[in-house]
């Protein structure tokens, strides 16, 4: 009787060559220098944008008045904007005062 061998041959036609071929057209390039460049660009750009950022602060109502809380050199500062009255009842009505104050500072 003839031996039939394994019913599930492991390598019937020999190695297929995938070990010799690249997976993508340019293969696995070294991406380290590119990542360093991108990190430097992001850090420079974010500091550039931060220098032009306009601080809005937080507007809140307390003790019958509207206040603006913001930071100057890392220290929190609070400034009274106006008294609470019929003209300034909502946050939306007080926002122009806060924007005007922020433009001055």
C-alpha atoms as a PDB file:
ATOM      1  CA  UNK A   1       0.000   0.000   0.000  1.00  0.00           C
ATOM      2  CA  UNK A   2       1.329   3.461  -0.857  1.00  0.00           C
ATOM      3  CA  UNK A   3       1.798   6.105   1.794  1.00  0.00           C
ATOM      4  CA  UNK A   4      -0.384   9.062   1.195  1.00  0.00           C
ATOM      5  CA  UNK A   5       1.364  11.551   3.437  1.00  0.00           C
ATOM      6  CA  UNK A   6      -0.271  14.309   5.446  1.00  0.00           C
ATOM      7  CA  UNK A   7      -3.874  15.099   4.585  1.00  0.00           C
ATOM      8  CA  UNK A   8      -3.098  18.755   5.328  1.00  0.00           C
ATOM      9  CA  UNK A   9       0.241  19.446   3.640  1.00  0.00           C
ATOM     10  CA  UNK A  10       2.127  22.285   5.318  1.00  0.00           C
ATOM     11  CA  UNK A  11       4.057  23.531   2.335  1.00  0.00           C
ATOM     12  CA  UNK A  12       2.982  21.765  -0.876  1.00  0.00           C
ATOM     13  CA  UNK A  13       4.671  24.147  -3.302  1.00  0.00           C
ATOM     14  CA  UNK A  14       7.632  25.495  -1.313  1.00  0.00           C
ATOM     15  CA  UNK A  15       8.130  28.913   0.222  1.00  0.00           C
ATOM     16  CA  UNK A  16       6.038  31.637  -1.389  1.00  0.00           C
ATOM     17  CA  UNK A  17       8.541  34.471  -1.022  1.00  0.00           C
ATOM     18  CA  UNK A  18       6.612  36.791   1.294  1.00  0.00           C
ATOM     19  CA  UNK A  19       9.638  36.964   3.550  1.00  0.00           C
ATOM     20  CA  UNK A  20      11.618  38.517   0.701  1.00  0.00           C
ATOM     21  CA  UNK A  21       9.035  41.053  -0.415  1.00  0.00           C
ATOM     22  CA  UNK A  22       8.119  44.380   1.070  1.00  0.00           C
ATOM     23  CA  UNK A  23       4.605  44.812   2.386  1.00  0.00           C
ATOM     24  CA  UNK A  24       4.151  48.295   0.964  1.00  0.00           C
ATOM     25  CA  UNK A  25       5.713  50.088  -1.997  1.00  0.00           C
ATOM     26  CA  UNK A  26       8.343  51.856   0.109  1.00  0.00           C
ATOM     27  CA  UNK A  27       8.602  49.208   2.797  1.00  0.00           C
ATOM     28  CA  UNK A  28       9.262  50.173   6.396  1.00  0.00           C
ATOM     29  CA  UNK A  29      11.028  53.521   6.314  1.00  0.00           C
ATOM     30  CA  UNK A  30      12.588  54.960   9.398  1.00  0.00           C
ATOM     31  CA  UNK A  31       9.984  57.430  10.649  1.00  0.00           C
ATOM     32  CA  UNK A  32      11.977  58.752  13.632  1.00  0.00           C
ATOM     33  CA  UNK A  33      13.408  61.915  11.993  1.00  0.00           C
ATOM     34  CA  UNK A  34      10.002  62.758  10.538  1.00  0.00           C
ATOM     35  CA  UNK A  35       8.314  62.488  13.952  1.00  0.00           C
ATOM     36  CA  UNK A  36      10.949  64.760  15.488  1.00  0.00           C
ATOM     37  CA  UNK A  37      10.270  67.341  12.764  1.00  0.00           C
ATOM     38  CA  UNK A  38       6.492  67.133  13.296  1.00  0.00           C
ATOM     39  CA  UNK A  39       6.826  67.449  17.087  1.00  0.00           C
ATOM     40  CA  UNK A  40       9.031  70.535  16.683  1.00  0.00           C
ATOM     41  CA  UNK A  41       6.592  72.095  14.208  1.00  0.00           C
ATOM     42  CA  UNK A  42       3.587  71.491  16.487  1.00  0.00           C
ATOM     43  CA  UNK A  43       5.376  72.948  19.531  1.00  0.00           C
ATOM     44  CA  UNK A  44       6.446  76.056  17.595  1.00  0.00           C
ATOM     45  CA  UNK A  45       3.031  76.578  16.011  1.00  0.00           C
ATOM     46  CA  UNK A  46       1.110  76.128  19.276  1.00  0.00           C
ATOM     47  CA  UNK A  47       3.282  78.694  21.087  1.00  0.00           C
ATOM     48  CA  UNK A  48       2.789  81.079  18.149  1.00  0.00           C
ATOM     49  CA  UNK A  49      -1.002  80.685  18.334  1.00  0.00           C
ATOM     50  CA  UNK A  50      -0.996  81.031  22.135  1.00  0.00           C
ATOM     51  CA  UNK A  51       0.656  84.429  21.850  1.00  0.00           C
ATOM     52  CA  UNK A  52      -2.339  85.688  19.832  1.00  0.00           C
ATOM     53  CA  UNK A  53      -5.033  83.990  21.884  1.00  0.00           C
ATOM     54  CA  UNK A  54      -7.593  86.379  23.343  1.00  0.00           C
ATOM     55  CA  UNK A  55      -8.642  85.496  26.847  1.00  0.00           C
ATOM     56  CA  UNK A  56     -12.391  85.605  27.395  1.00  0.00           C
ATOM     57  CA  UNK A  57     -12.472  84.768  31.084  1.00  0.00           C
ATOM     58  CA  UNK A  58     -15.502  83.622  33.004  1.00  0.00           C
ATOM     59  CA  UNK A  59     -18.527  85.844  33.563  1.00  0.00           C
ATOM     60  CA  UNK A  60     -20.610  85.162  36.639  1.00  0.00           C
ATOM     61  CA  UNK A  61     -23.271  86.851  38.745  1.00  0.00           C
ATOM     62  CA  UNK A  62     -22.772  87.250  42.477  1.00  0.00           C
ATOM     63  CA  UNK A  63     -23.971  89.695  45.144  1.00  0.00           C
ATOM     64  CA  UNK A  64     -26.225  91.625  42.760  1.00  0.00           C
ATOM     65  CA  UNK A  65     -23.508  92.303  40.184  1.00  0.00           C
ATOM     66  CA  UNK A  66     -21.832  90.751  37.136  1.00  0.00           C
ATOM     67  CA  UNK A  67     -18.152  89.884  37.505  1.00  0.00           C
ATOM     68  CA  UNK A  68     -15.399  88.796  35.123  1.00  0.00           C
ATOM     69  CA  UNK A  69     -12.811  86.292  36.350  1.00  0.00           C
ATOM     70  CA  UNK A  70      -9.602  85.962  34.339  1.00  0.00           C
ATOM     71  CA  UNK A  71      -5.865  85.353  34.819  1.00  0.00           C
ATOM     72  CA  UNK A  72      -2.895  87.715  34.658  1.00  0.00           C
ATOM     73  CA  UNK A  73       0.531  86.055  34.706  1.00  0.00           C
ATOM     74  CA  UNK A  74      -0.992  82.930  36.249  1.00  0.00           C
ATOM     75  CA  UNK A  75      -2.779  84.821  39.034  1.00  0.00           C
ATOM     76  CA  UNK A  76      -6.570  84.826  39.109  1.00  0.00           C
ATOM     77  CA  UNK A  77      -8.172  88.275  39.054  1.00  0.00           C
ATOM     78  CA  UNK A  78     -11.828  89.242  39.438  1.00  0.00           C
ATOM     79  CA  UNK A  79     -13.308  92.487  38.114  1.00  0.00           C
ATOM     80  CA  UNK A  80     -16.831  93.844  38.622  1.00  0.00           C
ATOM     81  CA  UNK A  81     -18.410  94.633  35.261  1.00  0.00           C
ATOM     82  CA  UNK A  82     -21.798  96.119  36.169  1.00  0.00           C
ATOM     83  CA  UNK A  83     -24.700  95.845  38.580  1.00  0.00           C
ATOM     84  CA  UNK A  84     -27.468  93.355  37.872  1.00  0.00           C
ATOM     85  CA  UNK A  85     -30.443  95.324  36.519  1.00  0.00           C
ATOM     86  CA  UNK A  86     -33.080  95.281  33.780  1.00  0.00           C
ATOM     87  CA  UNK A  87     -30.522  96.141  31.098  1.00  0.00           C
ATOM     88  CA  UNK A  88     -28.039  93.457  32.192  1.00  0.00           C
ATOM     89  CA  UNK A  89     -30.093  90.407  33.141  1.00  0.00           C
ATOM     90  CA  UNK A  90     -28.484  87.720  31.004  1.00  0.00           C
ATOM     91  CA  UNK A  91     -25.006  86.502  30.283  1.00  0.00           C
ATOM     92  CA  UNK A  92     -25.513  87.431  26.630  1.00  0.00           C
ATOM     93  CA  UNK A  93     -26.228  91.063  27.537  1.00  0.00           C
ATOM     94  CA  UNK A  94     -23.052  91.295  29.654  1.00  0.00           C
ATOM     95  CA  UNK A  95     -20.673  89.629  27.148  1.00  0.00           C
ATOM     96  CA  UNK A  96     -20.038  92.892  25.178  1.00  0.00           C
ATOM     97  CA  UNK A  97     -18.888  94.565  28.408  1.00  0.00           C
ATOM     98  CA  UNK A  98     -16.496  91.700  29.089  1.00  0.00           C
ATOM     99  CA  UNK A  99     -15.156  91.802  25.527  1.00  0.00           C
ATOM    100  CA  UNK A 100     -14.631  95.552  25.817  1.00  0.00           C
ATOM    101  CA  UNK A 101     -12.806  95.095  29.125  1.00  0.00           C
ATOM    102  CA  UNK A 102     -10.622  92.304  27.678  1.00  0.00           C
ATOM    103  CA  UNK A 103      -9.653  94.546  24.752  1.00  0.00           C
ATOM    104  CA  UNK A 104      -8.395  97.199  27.165  1.00  0.00           C
ATOM    105  CA  UNK A 105      -6.286  94.786  29.243  1.00  0.00           C
END
